Each structure stands twice: as structure tokens, then as C-alpha cells.
């Protein structure tokens, strides 16, 4: 019989395994890890990951085939792993599992009854029990984190800073309920809370409320605020920003973005700041503890 593949003796050695959902973040993490001298192997999930992963060493993995994923991670010597990219929570009846997933199914069913953080942290523990070390994407590529302070040409005024403080306070209060990671505050009023629809659709909703006259404040009023959830396992599902976020904030008639420094990730921060500058928006990295 062939020898059972073994993992490197110590974490931090061997290639980094990146389990890829959709979007640009898997490649941003891969590039950041490679710049630090780390070999990487991508494990894109079929139906979610983008075709761009084909430019990297990769193995496509059918969704819910945990046994196949574990075997391939071991075969490639990946002890350290990162989960990154967008996924939609599947319906349980749609899962086509392999034997190893089937053995863990009672445990997985319990994880599905919680929020996203509960589910992702539980899945991370399953891999840790198999001898892997689960890293946060920001640990492999720290440059994807938003830094503190003012990040572009435009600065918030006193009213915008007050809105940012109020939004941060609201998110710290909502975080333990696993509701969302973003809010919109206009002149001290919370006009939208991000839920299952995500950031882009929440901002589109704010734009529609302005169009309907339900938000009477003039354009360039209000702030989009985003923080990681309190108590969140930061190896999974850190809130993220992208070019569509900036466009959504502009379309919603807001003055800018206030996001948690060290708690929000972005694939290309200079490009995002340039887009915000061009749109006349401020971008502010704030501390989660004090807004």
C-alpha cells in the first residue's frame, strides 16, 4: 500500500494551503504570502472560486468533499491553511458529501444551526483536529488589513466623526448577536444595518431611501461604518472592502467610510483610496474600542 502522506513537522514550514471561495481575496493572500517567501498551493472550491486561480499551483475541490480536501492538503505538504473568499451558505439537502464528511455530519448539522462565525469556527476546529494550523488571511498577508488614520485626501468633519462614533457603538452592541458588520449613520440616526443581504445591497437600499425622500439629509451627509464582530474568530470572515463598496457609498450620497483599523481587509488599498479620492469621499481607519 502507498505510504500515508505526512505533514511537515512544524507549523510555518511547507507550502501554505489556501482554501478559496470566490472573489479577489484568495489571490491577494497568495501574492502576499509569496512576497514573504512562502510557497502556496490553492484549493479552489468548485462553484465558488474564480477561474483566475489556474495561474497558481492549484487543485480544484468539489464543495463538501472534506475528505478529498484533507487528502490533497496532506499530499502537497500543507500544514498551515487559510480559508478565504466568498461562499454562500448551502442548503443541507444540496450537499454531496464524501465518507469523511458523512462521518462528521452530526457535528456539521449542529454548526449549521448557529450564525456564520459559529459555523466557520467549528469547521476550523475540524481541520485543527486533523493536524492543520488554521491561519487568518491577515496573518499570511498583513498588508490586506486597513491601517489606522486618515487614508486619503478628504477628511471627515465633526458631524461625520460623530456619525462614525455612533456607528461603531452600534456595531459593538450588535456584534454578539452575529447580525452584521456594517451600518449607515446619517446625522446621528442609524438608517441601515447590514444583515444577510451584505454591504453592496445595504448601500443600494440607502440610495433608494434617498431617492424616495425617506432620508432627507443633503448629499455628502452620513457615514458607512464597518467593524469586525465583537468576539469574532478573526481567522474567518473578516469584513472586507472593495471598489464596489466605494461606488456604493458614493451612490448612497454619503460622505465617507469609517472602518476598523486592523479588523477590515481590502485587496488593493491604494486603488481603493484613489477611488475614494476621485469620488470626494473620506476613508478613515478607526479603533474598534473607542470608535
Foldseek 3Di string as FASTA:
>chain_A
DDDQQAADPDPPDFAEEEEEFDDDLSVLLCVQLVVVVHAYEYAYEPPGYDPVCVVHHYDYDHPQAVVVVVSVCRVRNHQEYAYDGDDDDDDPVPDDHDPVSVVCVVVLVVQVVDAPLSNVVSVCVVSVVVRHHQAASCVSHVVQFAAAFWDADADDDPQQVVLQQLFLVVQQVCLVVNAAFKFKGFSRRTPFGDGPVDQLVRLVVLLVCVVVCVDVDAAQTIEMEGFHRVPGPNSDDQAEDEQSNLVSCLSSRHQAYEYAGVRYGYSDVVVNRVSCVVSNHIYGHDHSVRD
